[in-house]
Amino acid sequence: MDKEYFKDNNEPEFLYQMLSRLESDCKYFLGNGNGYEKHLWASNVDNQISAMKEIYNKLEEKPEWLSMEQINNYEKEMKAKLNEKNLNSTEKNHKRDNYER
């Protein structure tokens, strides 16, 4: 983890709420958010996942609704979505450049 987002906040209630918020952002990013990182609380996929892992590791009682495996799956899916989005953007730019010639 490069950055600690919640080093000064150890209140379980806040951490559970924040973890839920971060997970909701991930779901939106993968769905209607169309892979736009501006929809993420932490501004990008790496920071978002890092924040989720930080909270998860701080919690003595792990949430029933989210596991570290699921967080890792979000990371894989979100990075794949970014790659797909970037690939599609590159293809569109290439087609546009060919059309303009």
Protein backbone atom coordinates (compact mmCIF):
# COMPACT_ATOMS: atom_id res chain seq x y z
CA MET A 1 0.00 0.00 0.00
CA ASP A 2 1.46 3.30 -1.04
CA LYS A 3 -0.84 5.50 0.95
CA GLU A 4 -2.75 5.07 4.18
CA TYR A 5 -6.16 6.65 3.86
CA PHE A 6 -7.59 5.69 7.22
CA LYS A 7 -4.62 5.56 9.59
CA ASP A 8 -6.27 7.96 12.04
CA ASN A 9 -9.72 6.41 11.94
CA ASN A 10 -10.24 3.07 13.61
CA GLU A 11 -13.95 3.31 14.35
CA PRO A 12 -15.45 0.03 13.07
CA GLU A 13 -18.78 1.60 12.17
CA PHE A 14 -17.10 4.20 9.96
CA LEU A 15 -14.78 1.60 8.40
CA TYR A 16 -17.67 -0.74 7.53
CA GLN A 17 -19.61 2.15 5.99
CA MET A 18 -16.59 3.32 4.03
CA LEU A 19 -15.83 -0.18 2.79
CA SER A 20 -19.43 -0.49 1.62
CA ARG A 21 -19.15 2.86 -0.18
CA LEU A 22 -15.93 1.81 -1.89
CA GLU A 23 -17.48 -1.48 -2.98
CA SER A 24 -20.50 0.39 -4.38
CA ASP A 25 -18.13 2.56 -6.40
CA CYS A 26 -16.50 -0.57 -7.81
CA LYS A 27 -19.84 -2.01 -8.85
CA TYR A 28 -20.82 1.27 -10.52
CA PHE A 29 -17.44 1.51 -12.27
CA LEU A 30 -17.94 -1.97 -13.72
CA GLY A 31 -21.55 -1.30 -14.72
CA ASN A 32 -23.16 2.01 -15.58
CA GLY A 33 -19.95 3.91 -14.81
CA ASN A 34 -18.45 2.44 -17.99
CA GLY A 35 -14.97 2.18 -16.52
CA TYR A 36 -14.51 5.88 -15.80
CA GLU A 37 -12.19 6.34 -12.86
CA LYS A 38 -13.69 9.73 -12.02
CA HIS A 39 -16.55 7.77 -10.41
CA LEU A 40 -14.22 6.21 -7.85
CA TRP A 41 -13.80 7.69 -4.37
CA ALA A 42 -10.02 7.26 -4.56
CA SER A 43 -9.75 8.64 -8.13
CA ASN A 44 -8.22 5.54 -9.71
CA VAL A 45 -8.44 1.76 -9.55
CA ASP A 46 -5.13 1.19 -7.76
CA ASN A 47 -5.92 3.66 -4.99
CA GLN A 48 -9.50 2.40 -4.67
CA ILE A 49 -8.39 -1.20 -4.18
CA SER A 50 -5.59 -0.11 -1.85
CA ALA A 51 -8.09 1.75 0.34
CA MET A 52 -10.40 -1.28 0.41
CA LYS A 53 -7.56 -3.59 1.43
CA GLU A 54 -6.41 -1.15 4.09
CA ILE A 55 -9.86 -1.06 5.67
CA TYR A 56 -10.39 -4.80 5.36
CA ASN A 57 -7.07 -5.51 7.07
CA LYS A 58 -7.85 -3.05 9.90
CA LEU A 59 -11.15 -4.69 10.75
CA GLU A 60 -10.92 -7.27 13.52
CA GLU A 61 -14.32 -8.68 12.59
CA LYS A 62 -14.39 -9.17 8.84
CA PRO A 63 -17.63 -8.29 7.04
CA GLU A 64 -19.84 -11.18 5.93
CA TRP A 65 -20.70 -9.36 2.72
CA LEU A 66 -17.14 -8.90 1.40
CA SER A 67 -13.99 -11.01 1.41
CA MET A 68 -10.40 -10.27 0.42
CA GLU A 69 -10.93 -12.65 -2.51
CA GLN A 70 -13.80 -10.47 -3.72
CA ILE A 71 -11.68 -7.35 -3.38
CA ASN A 72 -8.98 -9.03 -5.47
CA ASN A 73 -11.63 -9.98 -8.03
CA TYR A 74 -12.82 -6.36 -8.20
CA GLU A 75 -9.22 -5.35 -8.86
CA LYS A 76 -8.87 -7.83 -11.74
CA GLU A 77 -12.24 -6.94 -13.26
CA MET A 78 -11.67 -3.20 -12.96
CA LYS A 79 -8.21 -3.37 -14.53
CA ALA A 80 -9.62 -5.51 -17.33
CA LYS A 81 -12.38 -2.91 -17.84
CA LEU A 82 -9.76 -0.15 -18.05
CA ASN A 83 -7.73 -2.14 -20.59
CA GLU A 84 -10.85 -2.80 -22.64
CA LYS A 85 -11.83 0.87 -22.52
CA ASN A 86 -8.33 1.97 -23.53
CA LEU A 87 -8.24 -0.57 -26.35
CA ASN A 88 -11.61 0.62 -27.66
CA SER A 89 -10.46 4.23 -27.46
CA THR A 90 -7.28 3.42 -29.40
CA GLU A 91 -9.28 1.58 -32.07
CA LYS A 92 -11.71 4.51 -32.43
CA ASN A 93 -8.83 6.96 -32.77
CA HIS A 94 -7.16 4.74 -35.36
CA LYS A 95 -10.38 4.48 -37.40
CA ARG A 96 -10.89 8.24 -37.15
CA ASP A 97 -7.32 8.91 -38.26
CA ASN A 98 -7.74 6.58 -41.25
CA TYR A 99 -11.04 8.22 -42.17
CA GLU A 100 -9.53 11.71 -42.08
CA ARG A 101 -6.77 10.79 -44.54
